[in-house]
Amino acid sequence: MEIDESWMPTLLCIVNDSIKYNDSLRNSQTVKDVEDIEEWMMSIYQFKGYLSEKIRQNKELLSKCEEYFED
């Protein structure tokens, strides 16, 4: 499957927002099984790593997406 490069900044924003949301959820009192959230977050971090690797292979794309790389 090919994803148009113009979607990469959007994908990175979605991933970053998902990390923030799930981290808040993990620390809330409403979650019964924190380990499930942590496991899901590991998958999200792995996906972000994959996206980052693909983006860094293209200098033009990297310059468009740099501001979306959060730690």
N, C-alpha and C. Protein backbone atom coordinates (compact mmCIF):
# COMPACT_ATOMS: atom_id res chain seq x y z
N MET A 1 0.84 -1.17 0.00
CA MET A 1 0.00 0.00 0.00
C MET A 1 0.88 1.24 0.00
N GLU A 2 0.56 2.16 -0.82
CA GLU A 2 1.27 3.44 -0.88
C GLU A 2 0.41 4.52 -0.25
N ILE A 3 1.02 5.35 0.56
CA ILE A 3 0.33 6.49 1.15
C ILE A 3 0.95 7.75 0.57
N ASP A 4 0.13 8.61 0.06
CA ASP A 4 0.61 9.87 -0.51
C ASP A 4 1.40 10.64 0.54
N GLU A 5 2.55 11.16 0.15
CA GLU A 5 3.43 11.86 1.08
C GLU A 5 2.78 13.09 1.71
N SER A 6 1.81 13.66 1.05
CA SER A 6 1.16 14.85 1.60
C SER A 6 0.38 14.54 2.88
N TRP A 7 0.11 13.25 3.14
CA TRP A 7 -0.59 12.85 4.34
C TRP A 7 0.34 12.66 5.55
N MET A 8 1.64 12.67 5.34
CA MET A 8 2.57 12.38 6.43
C MET A 8 2.48 13.35 7.61
N PRO A 9 2.41 14.67 7.38
CA PRO A 9 2.25 15.56 8.54
C PRO A 9 0.97 15.25 9.33
N THR A 10 -0.11 14.94 8.62
CA THR A 10 -1.37 14.59 9.28
C THR A 10 -1.21 13.31 10.08
N LEU A 11 -0.57 12.31 9.50
CA LEU A 11 -0.36 11.05 10.22
C LEU A 11 0.47 11.27 11.49
N LEU A 12 1.51 12.08 11.38
CA LEU A 12 2.33 12.35 12.57
C LEU A 12 1.52 13.07 13.64
N CYS A 13 0.69 14.01 13.25
CA CYS A 13 -0.16 14.71 14.23
C CYS A 13 -1.12 13.73 14.90
N ILE A 14 -1.70 12.85 14.11
CA ILE A 14 -2.62 11.86 14.66
C ILE A 14 -1.90 10.95 15.66
N VAL A 15 -0.72 10.51 15.30
CA VAL A 15 0.05 9.65 16.20
C VAL A 15 0.41 10.39 17.48
N ASN A 16 0.88 11.63 17.35
CA ASN A 16 1.24 12.41 18.54
C ASN A 16 0.03 12.64 19.44
N ASP A 17 -1.11 12.97 18.85
CA ASP A 17 -2.33 13.16 19.64
C ASP A 17 -2.76 11.87 20.32
N SER A 18 -2.61 10.77 19.63
CA SER A 18 -2.97 9.48 20.20
C SER A 18 -2.09 9.14 21.39
N ILE A 19 -0.81 9.45 21.28
CA ILE A 19 0.11 9.21 22.39
C ILE A 19 -0.30 10.05 23.60
N LYS A 20 -0.59 11.32 23.38
CA LYS A 20 -0.99 12.20 24.48
C LYS A 20 -2.30 11.72 25.12
N TYR A 21 -3.27 11.39 24.30
CA TYR A 21 -4.56 10.94 24.81
C TYR A 21 -4.41 9.66 25.63
N ASN A 22 -3.72 8.69 25.08
CA ASN A 22 -3.58 7.40 25.77
C ASN A 22 -2.73 7.52 27.02
N ASP A 23 -1.78 8.43 27.04
CA ASP A 23 -0.99 8.66 28.24
C ASP A 23 -1.88 9.25 29.33
N SER A 24 -2.74 10.18 28.96
CA SER A 24 -3.68 10.74 29.93
C SER A 24 -4.64 9.67 30.43
N LEU A 25 -5.11 8.86 29.52
CA LEU A 25 -6.02 7.78 29.89
C LEU A 25 -5.35 6.78 30.83
N ARG A 26 -4.11 6.47 30.53
CA ARG A 26 -3.34 5.52 31.36
C ARG A 26 -3.21 6.03 32.79
N ASN A 27 -3.11 7.35 32.94
CA ASN A 27 -2.93 7.93 34.27
C ASN A 27 -4.25 8.31 34.95
N SER A 28 -5.36 8.03 34.30
CA SER A 28 -6.65 8.37 34.88
C SER A 28 -7.13 7.29 35.84
N GLN A 29 -8.16 7.60 36.57
CA GLN A 29 -8.74 6.65 37.53
C GLN A 29 -9.75 5.72 36.85
N THR A 30 -10.07 5.97 35.59
CA THR A 30 -11.13 5.22 34.92
C THR A 30 -10.65 3.93 34.26
N VAL A 31 -9.36 3.77 34.10
CA VAL A 31 -8.82 2.60 33.42
C VAL A 31 -8.69 1.44 34.39
N LYS A 32 -9.22 0.31 33.98
CA LYS A 32 -9.15 -0.88 34.83
C LYS A 32 -7.86 -1.66 34.62
N ASP A 33 -7.37 -1.68 33.38
CA ASP A 33 -6.17 -2.45 33.08
C ASP A 33 -5.15 -1.54 32.38
N VAL A 34 -4.26 -0.97 33.16
CA VAL A 34 -3.25 -0.06 32.66
C VAL A 34 -2.33 -0.76 31.66
N GLU A 35 -2.09 -2.04 31.86
CA GLU A 35 -1.19 -2.78 30.97
C GLU A 35 -1.72 -2.82 29.54
N ASP A 36 -3.03 -2.87 29.36
CA ASP A 36 -3.60 -2.84 28.01
C ASP A 36 -3.28 -1.53 27.32
N ILE A 37 -3.40 -0.42 28.05
CA ILE A 37 -3.10 0.89 27.50
C ILE A 37 -1.61 0.98 27.17
N GLU A 38 -0.78 0.50 28.06
CA GLU A 38 0.67 0.56 27.82
C GLU A 38 1.07 -0.28 26.61
N GLU A 39 0.44 -1.42 26.45
CA GLU A 39 0.72 -2.27 25.28
C GLU A 39 0.29 -1.56 23.99
N TRP A 40 -0.87 -0.94 24.03
CA TRP A 40 -1.35 -0.19 22.87
C TRP A 40 -0.41 0.98 22.55
N MET A 41 0.06 1.65 23.60
CA MET A 41 0.98 2.78 23.40
C MET A 41 2.29 2.31 22.78
N MET A 42 2.76 1.13 23.13
CA MET A 42 3.97 0.60 22.51
C MET A 42 3.76 0.42 21.01
N SER A 43 2.60 -0.04 20.62
CA SER A 43 2.29 -0.19 19.19
C SER A 43 2.28 1.16 18.50
N ILE A 44 1.73 2.16 19.16
CA ILE A 44 1.69 3.51 18.59
C ILE A 44 3.11 4.05 18.44
N TYR A 45 3.94 3.86 19.45
CA TYR A 45 5.34 4.32 19.37
C TYR A 45 6.10 3.60 18.25
N GLN A 46 5.83 2.32 18.08
CA GLN A 46 6.48 1.58 16.99
C GLN A 46 6.05 2.12 15.63
N PHE A 47 4.77 2.43 15.50
CA PHE A 47 4.27 3.00 14.25
C PHE A 47 4.90 4.36 14.00
N LYS A 48 5.04 5.16 15.04
CA LYS A 48 5.69 6.47 14.89
C LYS A 48 7.14 6.30 14.46
N GLY A 49 7.81 5.31 15.01
CA GLY A 49 9.19 5.03 14.60
C GLY A 49 9.27 4.65 13.14
N TYR A 50 8.33 3.83 12.70
CA TYR A 50 8.27 3.43 11.29
C TYR A 50 8.04 4.65 10.39
N LEU A 51 7.07 5.48 10.76
CA LEU A 51 6.81 6.70 9.98
C LEU A 51 8.04 7.60 9.94
N SER A 52 8.66 7.77 11.09
CA SER A 52 9.84 8.63 11.18
C SER A 52 10.95 8.14 10.27
N GLU A 53 11.16 6.85 10.27
CA GLU A 53 12.20 6.26 9.42
C GLU A 53 11.92 6.53 7.94
N LYS A 54 10.68 6.33 7.53
CA LYS A 54 10.30 6.55 6.14
C LYS A 54 10.43 8.03 5.76
N ILE A 55 10.03 8.90 6.65
CA ILE A 55 10.10 10.34 6.38
C ILE A 55 11.55 10.79 6.28
N ARG A 56 12.40 10.29 7.15
CA ARG A 56 13.81 10.71 7.16
C ARG A 56 14.57 10.23 5.93
N GLN A 57 14.01 9.29 5.20
CA GLN A 57 14.65 8.83 3.97
C GLN A 57 14.44 9.81 2.81
N ASN A 58 13.57 10.78 3.00
CA ASN A 58 13.25 11.74 1.95
C ASN A 58 13.46 13.14 2.52
N LYS A 59 14.56 13.81 2.10
CA LYS A 59 14.92 15.11 2.67
C LYS A 59 13.84 16.16 2.49
N GLU A 60 13.19 16.17 1.34
CA GLU A 60 12.13 17.15 1.09
C GLU A 60 10.95 16.93 2.04
N LEU A 61 10.57 15.69 2.18
CA LEU A 61 9.48 15.34 3.08
C LEU A 61 9.86 15.64 4.53
N LEU A 62 11.11 15.37 4.88
CA LEU A 62 11.58 15.63 6.23
C LEU A 62 11.45 17.11 6.57
N SER A 63 11.79 17.97 5.64
CA SER A 63 11.70 19.41 5.90
C SER A 63 10.25 19.84 6.12
N LYS A 64 9.30 19.15 5.52
CA LYS A 64 7.89 19.47 5.69
C LYS A 64 7.34 18.95 7.01
N CYS A 65 7.98 17.92 7.55
CA CYS A 65 7.42 17.23 8.72
C CYS A 65 8.19 17.46 10.01
N GLU A 66 9.33 18.13 9.96
CA GLU A 66 10.18 18.25 11.15
C GLU A 66 9.45 18.78 12.37
N GLU A 67 8.58 19.74 12.17
CA GLU A 67 7.90 20.34 13.33
C GLU A 67 6.94 19.38 14.03
N TYR A 68 6.62 18.26 13.38
CA TYR A 68 5.68 17.30 13.95
C TYR A 68 6.38 16.17 14.71
N PHE A 69 7.70 16.20 14.73
CA PHE A 69 8.44 15.20 15.49
C PHE A 69 8.53 15.66 16.92
N GLU A 70 7.74 15.02 17.79
CA GLU A 70 7.76 15.29 19.22
C GLU A 70 8.38 14.11 19.92
N ASP A 71 8.99 14.35 21.03
CA ASP A 71 9.56 13.25 21.81
C ASP A 71 8.55 12.70 22.76
